[in-house]
Amino acid sequence: MKGYYITFEGPEACGKSTQIKLLGERLEKEGYPLLLTKEPGAVLDGAIRAILLNPKFKLHPKTESFLFWADRIEHHETVVKPALGEGKIVLGDRDFDSSWAYQHYGRGLAHDWMKQAHALAVEEFKPDLT
């Protein structure tokens, strides 16, 4: 069986984690191999997430964006892709749509800059369903 990558996007506290938990429980009950994960923070013991969320760091928007992209690269390459290769269904709490929302629309990074960073970071890899 080919793995399948499903991500959940939305604003803070809208129920993403609840929906992931419910779907995960259902898929496990049906016998599907499963991995639940999230961005940022699922890799490197959450070190990048800790920097991003620490209020004492006043990061430039581009620095912040590069940290998110670094977390995403590591997440895709060391967590998501291996699980997909094992035929697992991967349920992810956030992916690149959040970068567009937070860094482009929220922090004002230029569209072209975001497109270039996205192309370098994730190449053609994307969720099967969001």
Protein backbone atom coordinates (compact mmCIF):
# COMPACT_ATOMS: atom_id res chain seq x y z
CA MET A 1 0.00 0.00 0.00
CA LYS A 2 1.22 3.47 -0.86
CA GLY A 3 1.36 5.89 2.03
CA TYR A 4 -0.94 8.88 2.10
CA TYR A 5 -0.20 12.32 3.59
CA ILE A 6 -3.17 14.31 4.93
CA THR A 7 -2.64 17.69 6.57
CA PHE A 8 -4.99 19.81 8.61
CA GLU A 9 -4.74 23.60 8.42
CA GLY A 10 -6.59 26.38 10.17
CA PRO A 11 -6.27 29.11 12.77
CA GLU A 12 -5.20 28.49 16.35
CA ALA A 13 -7.71 26.54 18.48
CA CYS A 14 -10.09 25.77 15.59
CA GLY A 15 -10.13 22.02 16.27
CA LYS A 16 -7.35 20.67 14.04
CA SER A 17 -5.90 18.47 16.79
CA THR A 18 -9.35 17.18 17.70
CA GLN A 19 -10.12 16.23 14.10
CA ILE A 20 -6.71 14.56 13.70
CA LYS A 21 -7.30 12.56 16.89
CA LEU A 22 -10.79 11.47 15.79
CA LEU A 23 -9.69 10.48 12.29
CA GLY A 24 -6.61 8.74 13.68
CA GLU A 25 -8.73 6.70 16.09
CA ARG A 26 -11.05 5.68 13.25
CA LEU A 27 -8.21 4.72 10.92
CA GLU A 28 -6.48 2.69 13.65
CA LYS A 29 -9.78 0.93 14.40
CA GLU A 30 -10.00 0.06 10.69
CA GLY A 31 -6.47 -1.37 10.84
CA TYR A 32 -4.57 1.24 8.83
CA PRO A 33 -0.92 1.89 9.68
CA LEU A 34 -0.78 5.44 10.98
CA LEU A 35 1.48 8.28 12.07
CA LEU A 36 0.27 11.50 13.72
CA THR A 37 2.67 14.44 13.52
CA LYS A 38 2.79 18.23 13.68
CA GLU A 39 4.71 21.28 12.53
CA PRO A 40 6.69 22.88 13.89
CA GLY A 41 8.21 20.81 16.64
CA ALA A 42 8.06 17.14 15.63
CA VAL A 43 11.81 17.05 14.96
CA LEU A 44 15.02 17.97 16.77
CA ASP A 45 13.28 17.64 20.13
CA GLY A 46 11.26 20.75 19.32
CA ALA A 47 14.37 22.99 19.40
CA ILE A 48 13.35 25.10 16.39
CA ARG A 49 9.80 25.46 17.72
CA ALA A 50 11.20 26.61 21.07
CA ILE A 51 13.15 29.38 19.34
CA LEU A 52 10.14 30.42 17.26
CA LEU A 53 7.82 30.62 20.27
CA ASN A 54 10.26 32.28 22.68
CA PRO A 55 9.09 35.90 23.17
CA LYS A 56 12.59 37.09 24.07
CA PHE A 57 13.64 36.53 20.44
CA LYS A 58 12.41 39.28 18.14
CA LEU A 59 13.08 37.56 14.84
CA HIS A 60 13.10 39.28 11.47
CA PRO A 61 10.29 37.84 9.31
CA LYS A 62 12.81 36.21 6.92
CA THR A 63 14.71 34.61 9.80
CA GLU A 64 11.44 33.31 11.22
CA SER A 65 10.47 31.95 7.82
CA PHE A 66 13.80 30.17 7.33
CA LEU A 67 13.42 28.51 10.74
CA PHE A 68 9.97 27.25 9.76
CA TRP A 69 11.34 25.98 6.43
CA ALA A 70 14.27 24.28 8.22
CA ASP A 71 11.83 22.52 10.55
CA ARG A 72 9.69 21.51 7.57
CA ILE A 73 12.61 20.10 5.58
CA GLU A 74 13.74 18.03 8.55
CA HIS A 75 10.15 16.95 9.23
CA HIS A 76 9.47 15.89 5.64
CA GLU A 77 12.81 14.13 5.15
CA THR A 78 13.12 12.32 8.50
CA VAL A 79 9.51 11.75 9.58
CA VAL A 80 6.92 12.07 6.81
CA LYS A 81 8.68 10.55 3.78
CA PRO A 82 9.99 7.49 5.68
CA ALA A 83 6.50 6.83 7.08
CA LEU A 84 4.99 7.14 3.60
CA GLY A 85 7.63 4.73 2.32
CA GLU A 86 6.41 2.24 4.93
CA GLY A 87 2.86 2.60 3.60
CA LYS A 88 1.55 4.61 6.54
CA ILE A 89 -1.18 7.20 6.50
CA VAL A 90 0.39 10.35 7.92
CA LEU A 91 -1.94 12.86 9.59
CA GLY A 92 -0.19 16.20 9.95
CA ASP A 93 -1.10 19.20 12.07
CA ARG A 94 -0.01 22.00 9.70
CA ASP A 95 2.30 22.13 6.68
CA PHE A 96 3.23 24.74 4.10
CA ASP A 97 -0.17 26.46 3.94
CA SER A 98 0.56 27.78 7.42
CA SER A 99 3.77 29.40 6.16
CA TRP A 100 1.80 31.26 3.54
CA ALA A 101 -0.73 32.41 6.12
CA TYR A 102 1.74 33.42 8.81
CA GLN A 103 4.82 34.57 6.89
CA HIS A 104 3.31 35.97 3.69
CA TYR A 105 -0.01 37.38 4.83
CA GLY A 106 0.79 37.80 8.52
CA ARG A 107 4.41 39.00 8.39
CA GLY A 108 4.36 40.63 4.96
CA LEU A 109 6.98 38.57 3.14
CA ALA A 110 6.78 39.04 -0.61
CA HIS A 111 4.94 36.46 -2.70
CA ASP A 112 7.94 35.86 -4.98
CA TRP A 113 10.25 35.43 -1.98
CA MET A 114 7.88 32.86 -0.47
CA LYS A 115 7.60 30.98 -3.78
CA GLN A 116 11.40 30.73 -4.06
CA ALA A 117 11.82 29.61 -0.45
CA HIS A 118 9.03 27.07 -0.89
CA ALA A 119 10.56 25.67 -4.08
CA LEU A 120 13.97 25.28 -2.42
CA ALA A 121 12.61 23.78 0.79
CA VAL A 122 10.01 21.28 -0.34
CA GLU A 123 10.65 20.99 -4.07
CA GLU A 124 7.65 19.10 -5.48
CA PHE A 125 6.67 17.32 -2.25
CA LYS A 126 3.23 18.18 -0.93
CA PRO A 127 0.40 16.58 1.03
CA ASP A 128 -2.00 14.33 -0.85
CA LEU A 129 -4.91 16.11 0.82
CA THR A 130 -5.28 19.24 2.94
